[in-house]
Structures are given as structure tokens and as C-alpha cells.
Amino acid sequence: MKGAQAGRAEFTQVVTSPAREGQAERTRQSSGVFEFQRPGRFKFSYRKPFEQTIVADGQTLWLHDPDLNQVTQRTQAQALGSTPAALLASAADLSALRADFTLENAPDQDGLQWVLATPKARDGQLRSVRVGFAGDRLAVLDIVDGFGQRSVLRFQAMQVQASLPASTFQFRPPAGADVLKQ
């Protein structure tokens, strides 16, 4: 990943919420397209089961929910912090990653090489991220948050490129959408 300046992949995401008293474990699945360009730009375009777009343009993180006709706007630096998205956006700068995460080799599993990233900040939002590689290609992000919820993102058909059009990471709220600034 270190040498990849930009890329695009299809993804599937399975989110598993831990069982609660009297309830079974719950699982939700979604899919879409992931694009990135370093430094600091990425886009998750969720297609199924509901459309949603998350865009980081280098300054602002945008979340667009068409069903609610709502856009959430946050300063990117504050929103990302020690998140899996920060891992992807900063992966070329190991010193920056090591400032926020403890990085360790993890045992190979399922034909992938794994790295365990544990956030140094103990604010409870994120417990760990395991990053799985097939050679030099990102294959899986396995994320456990502070509530014990697990999100597994699997990337398929990763295309590593020199760059993507600047318009990929530009976002303008649709006319009439409610914009919430955080």
C-alpha cells in the first residue's frame, strides 16, 4: 500500500453488533465502491442496501444520506483522528501512522498477511484494526470499535493508479438538502 498513490475497489462490509441481554447478535451487510488518493482523500460510495456517500476532500469530511436528504459536514482532521479511514489516507507516511497507532505484525490467516493497528488514544471509539494484504494489495479491514461492534470490509478488484480525477473527491450538497455542520 505504501507505494499506491491512488486506487479504486469494490467492497462489501459486514457489521456485526454483539448480542445484548435477551437479543441475538445482529448482522448487516452493505456494498459499494471505495476510492482513495493520497494525501488525505477518499470516497466510500455505498450502493446496497441503501445509498450513502462519505467523501474526504483533504479538508472536510462529508456524509450524504439521500434517503434523509441530509448532509453532515465535519472538519476532516477532527473527524478522522485514530480511525480506519486515517490508516488508509495516511498509509504512505509510516511516522504519521505510528504517532496515532501501535503497529504489529499479526499471524498470516486465510492466505493474507495481517497487520494489527491499535490506537494509542484510549478514547474508546476504536479498539483495534486488523489490515489484511494479498501481496501489496489491500484485501480486508477488520475493525472492532469501543462497543464491541465488528466491521469487516473486503475489497475486490483493487486497481492501483497514479491518480484519479480531482472531481472524484469534490462534494457539493444537493439543492434542498439539510446540511448539518459539526
N, C-alpha and C. Protein backbone atom coordinates (compact mmCIF):
# COMPACT_ATOMS: atom_id res chain seq x y z
N MET A 1 0.83 -1.21 0.00
CA MET A 1 0.00 0.00 0.00
C MET A 1 0.86 1.26 0.00
N LYS A 2 2.05 1.18 0.57
CA LYS A 2 2.86 2.38 0.73
C LYS A 2 3.09 3.10 -0.59
N GLY A 3 3.30 2.36 -1.67
CA GLY A 3 3.58 2.98 -2.95
C GLY A 3 2.34 3.39 -3.73
N ALA A 4 1.17 3.00 -3.28
CA ALA A 4 -0.06 3.32 -4.01
C ALA A 4 -0.50 4.74 -3.70
N GLN A 5 -0.50 5.59 -4.70
CA GLN A 5 -0.93 6.97 -4.51
C GLN A 5 -2.43 7.14 -4.68
N ALA A 6 -3.04 6.25 -5.45
CA ALA A 6 -4.48 6.33 -5.69
C ALA A 6 -4.98 4.94 -6.05
N GLY A 7 -6.28 4.74 -5.87
CA GLY A 7 -6.83 3.44 -6.23
C GLY A 7 -8.34 3.41 -6.10
N ARG A 8 -8.87 2.29 -6.58
CA ARG A 8 -10.31 2.09 -6.60
C ARG A 8 -10.58 0.60 -6.40
N ALA A 9 -11.63 0.28 -5.63
CA ALA A 9 -12.01 -1.12 -5.42
C ALA A 9 -13.49 -1.22 -5.10
N GLU A 10 -14.06 -2.35 -5.42
CA GLU A 10 -15.41 -2.69 -4.95
C GLU A 10 -15.23 -3.18 -3.52
N PHE A 11 -16.25 -2.98 -2.67
CA PHE A 11 -16.14 -3.51 -1.31
C PHE A 11 -17.48 -4.07 -0.85
N THR A 12 -17.38 -5.00 0.08
CA THR A 12 -18.54 -5.45 0.85
C THR A 12 -18.19 -5.21 2.31
N GLN A 13 -19.20 -4.86 3.08
CA GLN A 13 -19.00 -4.59 4.51
C GLN A 13 -20.03 -5.38 5.29
N VAL A 14 -19.55 -6.12 6.28
CA VAL A 14 -20.43 -6.83 7.19
C VAL A 14 -20.19 -6.26 8.58
N VAL A 15 -21.25 -5.73 9.18
CA VAL A 15 -21.18 -5.15 10.52
C VAL A 15 -21.93 -6.09 11.45
N THR A 16 -21.24 -6.54 12.50
CA THR A 16 -21.83 -7.44 13.48
C THR A 16 -21.86 -6.75 14.83
N SER A 17 -23.08 -6.57 15.34
CA SER A 17 -23.25 -5.98 16.67
C SER A 17 -23.31 -7.10 17.68
N PRO A 18 -22.65 -6.94 18.83
CA PRO A 18 -22.64 -8.03 19.82
C PRO A 18 -24.03 -8.28 20.38
N ALA A 19 -24.23 -9.51 20.81
CA ALA A 19 -25.50 -9.87 21.43
C ALA A 19 -25.70 -9.08 22.71
N ARG A 20 -26.93 -8.66 22.93
CA ARG A 20 -27.27 -7.97 24.18
C ARG A 20 -28.18 -8.88 24.98
N GLU A 21 -28.42 -8.49 26.18
CA GLU A 21 -29.27 -9.29 27.06
C GLU A 21 -30.61 -9.56 26.39
N GLY A 22 -30.90 -10.85 26.16
CA GLY A 22 -32.17 -11.23 25.56
C GLY A 22 -32.25 -11.07 24.06
N GLN A 23 -31.16 -10.64 23.42
CA GLN A 23 -31.16 -10.47 21.97
C GLN A 23 -29.99 -11.22 21.35
N ALA A 24 -30.18 -11.66 20.13
CA ALA A 24 -29.12 -12.35 19.41
C ALA A 24 -28.19 -11.33 18.76
N GLU A 25 -27.04 -11.80 18.33
CA GLU A 25 -26.10 -10.98 17.58
C GLU A 25 -26.79 -10.51 16.29
N ARG A 26 -26.56 -9.26 15.90
CA ARG A 26 -27.18 -8.72 14.68
C ARG A 26 -26.11 -8.46 13.63
N THR A 27 -26.45 -8.76 12.37
CA THR A 27 -25.51 -8.57 11.28
C THR A 27 -26.18 -7.78 10.16
N ARG A 28 -25.44 -6.80 9.62
CA ARG A 28 -25.92 -6.01 8.47
C ARG A 28 -24.83 -6.06 7.40
N GLN A 29 -25.27 -6.13 6.14
CA GLN A 29 -24.31 -6.16 5.04
C GLN A 29 -24.60 -5.01 4.08
N SER A 30 -23.53 -4.43 3.56
CA SER A 30 -23.65 -3.37 2.56
C SER A 30 -22.52 -3.53 1.55
N SER A 31 -22.61 -2.79 0.45
CA SER A 31 -21.57 -2.88 -0.57
C SER A 31 -21.51 -1.58 -1.36
N GLY A 32 -20.40 -1.42 -2.06
CA GLY A 32 -20.22 -0.21 -2.86
C GLY A 32 -18.84 -0.12 -3.46
N VAL A 33 -18.39 1.13 -3.66
CA VAL A 33 -17.09 1.40 -4.28
C VAL A 33 -16.28 2.29 -3.35
N PHE A 34 -14.99 1.96 -3.21
CA PHE A 34 -14.05 2.73 -2.41
C PHE A 34 -12.99 3.30 -3.34
N GLU A 35 -12.69 4.60 -3.19
CA GLU A 35 -11.64 5.26 -3.97
C GLU A 35 -10.78 6.07 -3.01
N PHE A 36 -9.49 6.18 -3.31
CA PHE A 36 -8.61 6.99 -2.47
C PHE A 36 -7.54 7.64 -3.31
N GLN A 37 -7.04 8.75 -2.80
CA GLN A 37 -5.87 9.41 -3.38
C GLN A 37 -5.13 10.10 -2.25
N ARG A 38 -3.86 9.82 -2.15
CA ARG A 38 -3.06 10.42 -1.09
C ARG A 38 -2.51 11.76 -1.55
N PRO A 39 -2.37 12.68 -0.62
CA PRO A 39 -2.68 12.54 0.81
C PRO A 39 -4.12 12.93 1.14
N GLY A 40 -4.74 12.14 2.01
CA GLY A 40 -5.96 12.55 2.69
C GLY A 40 -7.27 12.57 1.93
N ARG A 41 -7.37 11.94 0.78
CA ARG A 41 -8.64 11.96 0.06
C ARG A 41 -9.15 10.54 -0.12
N PHE A 42 -10.45 10.35 0.18
CA PHE A 42 -11.07 9.06 -0.07
C PHE A 42 -12.57 9.24 -0.23
N LYS A 43 -13.18 8.20 -0.78
CA LYS A 43 -14.62 8.23 -1.01
C LYS A 43 -15.17 6.82 -0.89
N PHE A 44 -16.17 6.65 -0.05
CA PHE A 44 -16.94 5.41 0.04
C PHE A 44 -18.31 5.71 -0.55
N SER A 45 -18.65 5.03 -1.63
CA SER A 45 -19.97 5.17 -2.25
C SER A 45 -20.74 3.89 -1.99
N TYR A 46 -21.59 3.92 -0.96
CA TYR A 46 -22.41 2.75 -0.64
C TYR A 46 -23.56 2.68 -1.63
N ARG A 47 -23.80 1.49 -2.16
CA ARG A 47 -24.88 1.31 -3.13
C ARG A 47 -26.01 0.46 -2.58
N LYS A 48 -25.67 -0.60 -1.82
CA LYS A 48 -26.68 -1.51 -1.28
C LYS A 48 -26.44 -1.69 0.20
N PRO A 49 -27.43 -1.85 1.03
CA PRO A 49 -28.86 -1.84 0.71
C PRO A 49 -29.41 -0.41 0.54
N PHE A 50 -28.66 0.60 1.01
CA PHE A 50 -29.10 1.98 0.88
C PHE A 50 -27.95 2.81 0.34
N GLU A 51 -28.26 3.81 -0.45
CA GLU A 51 -27.23 4.70 -0.94
C GLU A 51 -26.75 5.63 0.17
N GLN A 52 -25.46 5.83 0.20
CA GLN A 52 -24.84 6.77 1.12
C GLN A 52 -23.44 7.06 0.59
N THR A 53 -22.98 8.29 0.75
CA THR A 53 -21.66 8.65 0.27
C THR A 53 -20.88 9.32 1.39
N ILE A 54 -19.63 8.90 1.56
CA ILE A 54 -18.71 9.52 2.51
C ILE A 54 -17.52 10.00 1.68
N VAL A 55 -17.25 11.31 1.73
CA VAL A 55 -16.17 11.89 0.94
C VAL A 55 -15.25 12.70 1.86
N ALA A 56 -13.96 12.45 1.76
CA ALA A 56 -12.95 13.26 2.43
C ALA A 56 -12.16 13.95 1.33
N ASP A 57 -12.22 15.30 1.32
CA ASP A 57 -11.58 16.05 0.25
C ASP A 57 -10.22 16.64 0.64
N GLY A 58 -9.72 16.27 1.80
CA GLY A 58 -8.45 16.80 2.29
C GLY A 58 -8.64 17.84 3.38
N GLN A 59 -9.81 18.46 3.42
CA GLN A 59 -10.14 19.47 4.43
C GLN A 59 -11.40 19.12 5.21
N THR A 60 -12.40 18.62 4.48
CA THR A 60 -13.73 18.38 5.04
C THR A 60 -14.15 16.94 4.79
N LEU A 61 -14.82 16.37 5.79
CA LEU A 61 -15.43 15.06 5.65
C LEU A 61 -16.92 15.27 5.47
N TRP A 62 -17.46 14.75 4.37
CA TRP A 62 -18.87 14.90 4.02
C TRP A 62 -19.55 13.53 4.12
N LEU A 63 -20.73 13.50 4.70
CA LEU A 63 -21.54 12.29 4.73
C LEU A 63 -22.90 12.66 4.15
N HIS A 64 -23.28 12.02 3.04
CA HIS A 64 -24.54 12.33 2.37
C HIS A 64 -25.47 11.13 2.45
N ASP A 65 -26.65 11.34 3.01
CA ASP A 65 -27.69 10.32 3.09
C ASP A 65 -28.86 10.78 2.23
N PRO A 66 -28.98 10.27 0.99
CA PRO A 66 -30.05 10.71 0.10
C PRO A 66 -31.45 10.43 0.64
N ASP A 67 -31.63 9.30 1.36
CA ASP A 67 -32.96 8.97 1.89
C ASP A 67 -33.46 10.03 2.87
N LEU A 68 -32.55 10.59 3.66
CA LEU A 68 -32.91 11.64 4.61
C LEU A 68 -32.77 13.03 4.00
N ASN A 69 -32.20 13.11 2.78
CA ASN A 69 -31.88 14.37 2.13
C ASN A 69 -31.06 15.24 3.09
N GLN A 70 -30.02 14.60 3.65
CA GLN A 70 -29.21 15.23 4.69
C GLN A 70 -27.72 15.06 4.41
N VAL A 71 -26.96 16.11 4.70
CA VAL A 71 -25.51 16.09 4.57
C VAL A 71 -24.91 16.51 5.91
N THR A 72 -23.93 15.74 6.39
CA THR A 72 -23.19 16.12 7.59
C THR A 72 -21.80 16.55 7.14
N GLN A 73 -21.37 17.70 7.63
CA GLN A 73 -20.08 18.30 7.26
C GLN A 73 -19.24 18.44 8.52
N ARG A 74 -18.02 17.87 8.49
CA ARG A 74 -17.12 17.96 9.64
C ARG A 74 -15.71 18.28 9.14
N THR A 75 -14.92 18.92 9.99
CA THR A 75 -13.53 19.14 9.67
C THR A 75 -12.85 17.78 9.61
N GLN A 76 -12.14 17.51 8.53
CA GLN A 76 -11.57 16.19 8.32
C GLN A 76 -10.59 15.79 9.42
N ALA A 77 -9.73 16.69 9.83
CA ALA A 77 -8.73 16.36 10.85
C ALA A 77 -9.39 15.93 12.15
N GLN A 78 -10.47 16.59 12.55
CA GLN A 78 -11.17 16.24 13.79
C GLN A 78 -11.96 14.94 13.62
N ALA A 79 -12.52 14.74 12.45
CA ALA A 79 -13.38 13.57 12.23
C ALA A 79 -12.59 12.28 12.13
N LEU A 80 -11.40 12.32 11.54
CA LEU A 80 -10.67 11.09 11.30
C LEU A 80 -9.88 10.62 12.50
N GLY A 81 -9.00 11.46 13.04
CA GLY A 81 -8.21 11.07 14.21
C GLY A 81 -7.63 9.68 14.05
N SER A 82 -7.87 8.83 15.03
CA SER A 82 -7.37 7.45 15.01
C SER A 82 -8.45 6.51 14.49
N THR A 83 -8.82 6.68 13.24
CA THR A 83 -9.86 5.85 12.64
C THR A 83 -9.27 4.99 11.53
N PRO A 84 -10.01 3.96 11.09
CA PRO A 84 -9.53 3.17 9.96
C PRO A 84 -9.33 4.02 8.71
N ALA A 85 -10.17 5.03 8.53
CA ALA A 85 -10.01 5.91 7.37
C ALA A 85 -8.67 6.64 7.42
N ALA A 86 -8.24 7.02 8.62
CA ALA A 86 -6.94 7.68 8.77
C ALA A 86 -5.82 6.72 8.37
N LEU A 87 -5.98 5.45 8.69
CA LEU A 87 -4.99 4.45 8.27
C LEU A 87 -4.85 4.45 6.76
N LEU A 88 -5.97 4.44 6.05
CA LEU A 88 -5.93 4.39 4.59
C LEU A 88 -5.39 5.68 3.99
N ALA A 89 -5.83 6.80 4.53
CA ALA A 89 -5.43 8.09 3.97
C ALA A 89 -3.97 8.41 4.23
N SER A 90 -3.39 7.84 5.31
CA SER A 90 -2.02 8.18 5.71
C SER A 90 -1.04 7.04 5.52
N ALA A 91 -1.46 5.96 4.92
CA ALA A 91 -0.63 4.75 4.88
C ALA A 91 0.76 4.96 4.29
N ALA A 92 0.95 5.96 3.46
CA ALA A 92 2.27 6.19 2.87
C ALA A 92 3.23 6.82 3.87
N ASP A 93 2.74 7.40 4.94
CA ASP A 93 3.56 8.08 5.92
C ASP A 93 3.58 7.27 7.22
N LEU A 94 4.53 6.35 7.31
CA LEU A 94 4.59 5.46 8.48
C LEU A 94 4.82 6.21 9.78
N SER A 95 5.58 7.29 9.76
CA SER A 95 5.82 8.02 11.00
C SER A 95 4.51 8.66 11.50
N ALA A 96 3.68 9.15 10.58
CA ALA A 96 2.38 9.70 10.98
C ALA A 96 1.48 8.61 11.53
N LEU A 97 1.51 7.43 10.91
CA LEU A 97 0.71 6.31 11.42
C LEU A 97 1.16 5.90 12.81
N ARG A 98 2.47 5.83 13.00
CA ARG A 98 2.99 5.39 14.30
C ARG A 98 2.74 6.43 15.39
N ALA A 99 2.46 7.67 15.03
CA ALA A 99 2.10 8.68 16.03
C ALA A 99 0.73 8.38 16.62
N ASP A 100 -0.17 7.79 15.83
CA ASP A 100 -1.53 7.52 16.29
C ASP A 100 -1.81 6.05 16.60
N PHE A 101 -1.02 5.15 16.02
CA PHE A 101 -1.27 3.71 16.17
C PHE A 101 -0.01 2.96 16.56
N THR A 102 -0.18 1.88 17.33
CA THR A 102 0.86 0.89 17.53
C THR A 102 0.66 -0.15 16.45
N LEU A 103 1.67 -0.39 15.63
CA LEU A 103 1.58 -1.33 14.52
C LEU A 103 2.37 -2.59 14.84
N GLU A 104 1.72 -3.75 14.63
CA GLU A 104 2.37 -5.03 14.90
C GLU A 104 2.03 -6.01 13.79
N ASN A 105 3.00 -6.88 13.45
CA ASN A 105 2.68 -7.98 12.54
C ASN A 105 1.74 -8.92 13.26
N ALA A 106 0.77 -9.44 12.54
CA ALA A 106 -0.15 -10.45 13.09
C ALA A 106 0.04 -11.72 12.26
N PRO A 107 -0.36 -12.87 12.80
CA PRO A 107 -0.17 -14.12 12.06
C PRO A 107 -0.93 -14.12 10.73
N ASP A 108 -0.31 -14.75 9.71
CA ASP A 108 -1.00 -14.94 8.43
C ASP A 108 -2.26 -15.76 8.67
N GLN A 109 -3.30 -15.42 7.92
CA GLN A 109 -4.57 -16.13 8.08
C GLN A 109 -5.35 -16.00 6.77
N ASP A 110 -6.01 -17.05 6.35
CA ASP A 110 -6.84 -17.05 5.14
C ASP A 110 -6.06 -16.60 3.91
N GLY A 111 -4.77 -16.95 3.85
CA GLY A 111 -3.96 -16.60 2.69
C GLY A 111 -3.56 -15.14 2.64
N LEU A 112 -3.75 -14.40 3.72
CA LEU A 112 -3.42 -12.97 3.77
C LEU A 112 -2.35 -12.71 4.82
N GLN A 113 -1.58 -11.63 4.60
CA GLN A 113 -0.64 -11.15 5.61
C GLN A 113 -1.38 -10.05 6.37
N TRP A 114 -1.24 -10.05 7.70
CA TRP A 114 -2.02 -9.14 8.55
C TRP A 114 -1.12 -8.22 9.36
N VAL A 115 -1.61 -7.01 9.56
CA VAL A 115 -1.01 -6.03 10.46
C VAL A 115 -2.09 -5.62 11.45
N LEU A 116 -1.73 -5.58 12.72
CA LEU A 116 -2.65 -5.13 13.76
C LEU A 116 -2.30 -3.70 14.11
N ALA A 117 -3.28 -2.81 14.01
CA ALA A 117 -3.11 -1.40 14.36
C ALA A 117 -3.99 -1.11 15.57
N THR A 118 -3.36 -0.72 16.67
CA THR A 118 -4.09 -0.40 17.89
C THR A 118 -3.91 1.09 18.15
N PRO A 119 -5.02 1.83 18.28
CA PRO A 119 -4.88 3.28 18.50
C PRO A 119 -4.21 3.57 19.83
N LYS A 120 -3.34 4.58 19.84
CA LYS A 120 -2.68 4.99 21.07
C LYS A 120 -3.63 5.77 21.97
N ALA A 121 -4.56 6.51 21.37
CA ALA A 121 -5.56 7.25 22.15
C ALA A 121 -6.56 6.24 22.71
N ARG A 122 -6.86 6.38 23.96
CA ARG A 122 -7.77 5.43 24.63
C ARG A 122 -9.13 6.08 24.87
N ASP A 123 -9.68 6.71 23.83
CA ASP A 123 -10.96 7.40 23.99
C ASP A 123 -12.16 6.47 23.85
N GLY A 124 -11.91 5.19 23.53
CA GLY A 124 -12.99 4.23 23.49
C GLY A 124 -13.70 4.10 22.15
N GLN A 125 -13.37 4.93 21.17
CA GLN A 125 -14.06 4.84 19.88
C GLN A 125 -13.63 3.62 19.07
N LEU A 126 -12.38 3.23 19.23
CA LEU A 126 -11.82 2.15 18.41
C LEU A 126 -10.91 1.29 19.27
N ARG A 127 -11.13 -0.02 19.22
CA ARG A 127 -10.26 -0.93 19.96
C ARG A 127 -9.08 -1.38 19.10
N SER A 128 -9.40 -1.80 17.86
CA SER A 128 -8.33 -2.31 17.00
C SER A 128 -8.77 -2.35 15.55
N VAL A 129 -7.76 -2.40 14.69
CA VAL A 129 -7.99 -2.59 13.26
C VAL A 129 -6.96 -3.61 12.79
N ARG A 130 -7.44 -4.68 12.18
CA ARG A 130 -6.53 -5.62 11.51
C ARG A 130 -6.64 -5.33 10.02
N VAL A 131 -5.47 -5.19 9.39
CA VAL A 131 -5.42 -4.88 7.97
C VAL A 131 -4.82 -6.09 7.26
N GLY A 132 -5.58 -6.68 6.33
CA GLY A 132 -5.13 -7.86 5.60
C GLY A 132 -4.70 -7.51 4.19
N PHE A 133 -3.53 -8.04 3.81
CA PHE A 133 -2.97 -7.77 2.49
C PHE A 133 -2.81 -9.07 1.71
N ALA A 134 -3.11 -8.99 0.42
CA ALA A 134 -2.80 -10.06 -0.53
C ALA A 134 -1.63 -9.52 -1.35
N GLY A 135 -0.41 -9.89 -0.96
CA GLY A 135 0.78 -9.28 -1.56
C GLY A 135 0.84 -7.82 -1.14
N ASP A 136 0.87 -6.90 -2.11
CA ASP A 136 0.92 -5.48 -1.76
C ASP A 136 -0.45 -4.81 -1.90
N ARG A 137 -1.49 -5.62 -2.05
CA ARG A 137 -2.85 -5.08 -2.24
C ARG A 137 -3.67 -5.20 -0.96
N LEU A 138 -4.36 -4.11 -0.63
CA LEU A 138 -5.28 -4.12 0.49
C LEU A 138 -6.41 -5.09 0.18
N ALA A 139 -6.70 -6.01 1.09
CA ALA A 139 -7.75 -7.01 0.87
C ALA A 139 -8.87 -6.90 1.90
N VAL A 140 -8.53 -6.65 3.18
CA VAL A 140 -9.53 -6.66 4.24
C VAL A 140 -9.18 -5.65 5.32
N LEU A 141 -10.20 -4.98 5.84
CA LEU A 141 -10.10 -4.21 7.09
C LEU A 141 -11.04 -4.89 8.08
N ASP A 142 -10.53 -5.27 9.22
CA ASP A 142 -11.33 -5.92 10.27
C ASP A 142 -11.26 -5.01 11.49
N ILE A 143 -12.35 -4.31 11.77
CA ILE A 143 -12.39 -3.22 12.74
C ILE A 143 -13.25 -3.61 13.93
N VAL A 144 -12.74 -3.38 15.14
CA VAL A 144 -13.53 -3.57 16.35
C VAL A 144 -13.58 -2.23 17.08
N ASP A 145 -14.81 -1.75 17.32
CA ASP A 145 -14.95 -0.45 17.97
C ASP A 145 -15.06 -0.60 19.49
N GLY A 146 -15.18 0.51 20.17
CA GLY A 146 -15.23 0.54 21.62
C GLY A 146 -16.45 -0.12 22.23
N PHE A 147 -17.48 -0.36 21.42
CA PHE A 147 -18.70 -1.03 21.90
C PHE A 147 -18.71 -2.51 21.57
N GLY A 148 -17.62 -3.00 20.98
CA GLY A 148 -17.54 -4.41 20.62
C GLY A 148 -18.15 -4.72 19.27
N GLN A 149 -18.58 -3.72 18.53
CA GLN A 149 -19.13 -3.93 17.19
C GLN A 149 -17.98 -4.20 16.22
N ARG A 150 -18.16 -5.17 15.35
CA ARG A 150 -17.11 -5.56 14.41
C ARG A 150 -17.57 -5.24 12.99
N SER A 151 -16.72 -4.56 12.23
CA SER A 151 -16.97 -4.25 10.82
C SER A 151 -15.86 -4.89 10.00
N VAL A 152 -16.24 -5.69 9.04
CA VAL A 152 -15.26 -6.32 8.16
C VAL A 152 -15.53 -5.83 6.74
N LEU A 153 -14.56 -5.10 6.19
CA LEU A 153 -14.64 -4.62 4.82
C LEU A 153 -13.71 -5.46 3.96
N ARG A 154 -14.27 -6.05 2.91
CA ARG A 154 -13.49 -6.86 1.98
C ARG A 154 -13.44 -6.12 0.65
N PHE A 155 -12.22 -5.95 0.15
CA PHE A 155 -12.01 -5.20 -1.09
C PHE A 155 -11.74 -6.18 -2.23
N GLN A 156 -12.43 -5.98 -3.36
CA GLN A 156 -12.25 -6.82 -4.53
C GLN A 156 -11.87 -5.92 -5.71
N ALA A 157 -11.15 -6.52 -6.66
CA ALA A 157 -10.79 -5.85 -7.90
C ALA A 157 -10.09 -4.51 -7.64
N MET A 158 -9.15 -4.51 -6.71
CA MET A 158 -8.39 -3.29 -6.40
C MET A 158 -7.57 -2.88 -7.61
N GLN A 159 -7.76 -1.65 -8.03
CA GLN A 159 -7.00 -1.07 -9.14
C GLN A 159 -6.15 0.05 -8.56
N VAL A 160 -4.84 -0.11 -8.61
CA VAL A 160 -3.93 0.92 -8.11
C VAL A 160 -3.56 1.81 -9.29
N GLN A 161 -3.71 3.12 -9.10
CA GLN A 161 -3.48 4.07 -10.17
C GLN A 161 -2.57 5.19 -9.69
N ALA A 162 -2.05 5.96 -10.64
CA ALA A 162 -1.22 7.10 -10.29
C ALA A 162 -2.07 8.25 -9.75
N SER A 163 -3.28 8.41 -10.29
CA SER A 163 -4.15 9.47 -9.81
C SER A 163 -5.58 9.22 -10.27
N LEU A 164 -6.50 9.92 -9.67
CA LEU A 164 -7.91 9.91 -10.06
C LEU A 164 -8.31 11.34 -10.36
N PRO A 165 -9.35 11.56 -11.14
CA PRO A 165 -9.77 12.94 -11.40
C PRO A 165 -10.08 13.68 -10.10
N ALA A 166 -9.69 14.95 -10.02
CA ALA A 166 -9.95 15.75 -8.82
C ALA A 166 -11.42 15.76 -8.47
N SER A 167 -12.29 15.69 -9.48
CA SER A 167 -13.74 15.73 -9.23
C SER A 167 -14.23 14.54 -8.40
N THR A 168 -13.46 13.46 -8.37
CA THR A 168 -13.83 12.28 -7.57
C THR A 168 -14.04 12.65 -6.11
N PHE A 169 -13.24 13.58 -5.60
CA PHE A 169 -13.25 13.90 -4.18
C PHE A 169 -13.86 15.27 -3.88
N GLN A 170 -14.55 15.83 -4.86
CA GLN A 170 -15.26 17.09 -4.64
C GLN A 170 -16.71 16.76 -4.31
N PHE A 171 -17.25 17.46 -3.32
CA PHE A 171 -18.64 17.22 -2.95
C PHE A 171 -19.35 18.55 -2.77
N ARG A 172 -20.51 18.64 -3.34
CA ARG A 172 -21.39 19.79 -3.13
C ARG A 172 -22.73 19.26 -2.67
N PRO A 173 -23.24 19.77 -1.55
CA PRO A 173 -24.55 19.30 -1.09
C PRO A 173 -25.62 19.52 -2.15
N PRO A 174 -26.48 18.53 -2.37
CA PRO A 174 -27.56 18.69 -3.33
C PRO A 174 -28.50 19.83 -2.92
N ALA A 175 -29.10 20.49 -3.89
CA ALA A 175 -30.05 21.56 -3.62
C ALA A 175 -31.18 21.03 -2.73
N GLY A 176 -31.50 21.79 -1.70
CA GLY A 176 -32.58 21.41 -0.79
C GLY A 176 -32.21 20.48 0.33
N ALA A 177 -30.97 19.95 0.33
CA ALA A 177 -30.55 19.06 1.39
C ALA A 177 -30.29 19.83 2.69
N ASP A 178 -30.63 19.24 3.82
CA ASP A 178 -30.28 19.81 5.13
C ASP A 178 -28.80 19.57 5.36
N VAL A 179 -28.04 20.62 5.68
CA VAL A 179 -26.60 20.49 5.93
C VAL A 179 -26.35 20.74 7.42
N LEU A 180 -25.82 19.71 8.08
CA LEU A 180 -25.50 19.79 9.50
C LEU A 180 -24.00 19.96 9.64
N LYS A 181 -23.57 21.05 10.23
CA LYS A 181 -22.13 21.27 10.45
C LYS A 181 -21.78 20.86 11.86
N GLN A 182 -20.76 20.02 11.98
CA GLN A 182 -20.35 19.53 13.31
C GLN A 182 -18.94 19.97 13.60
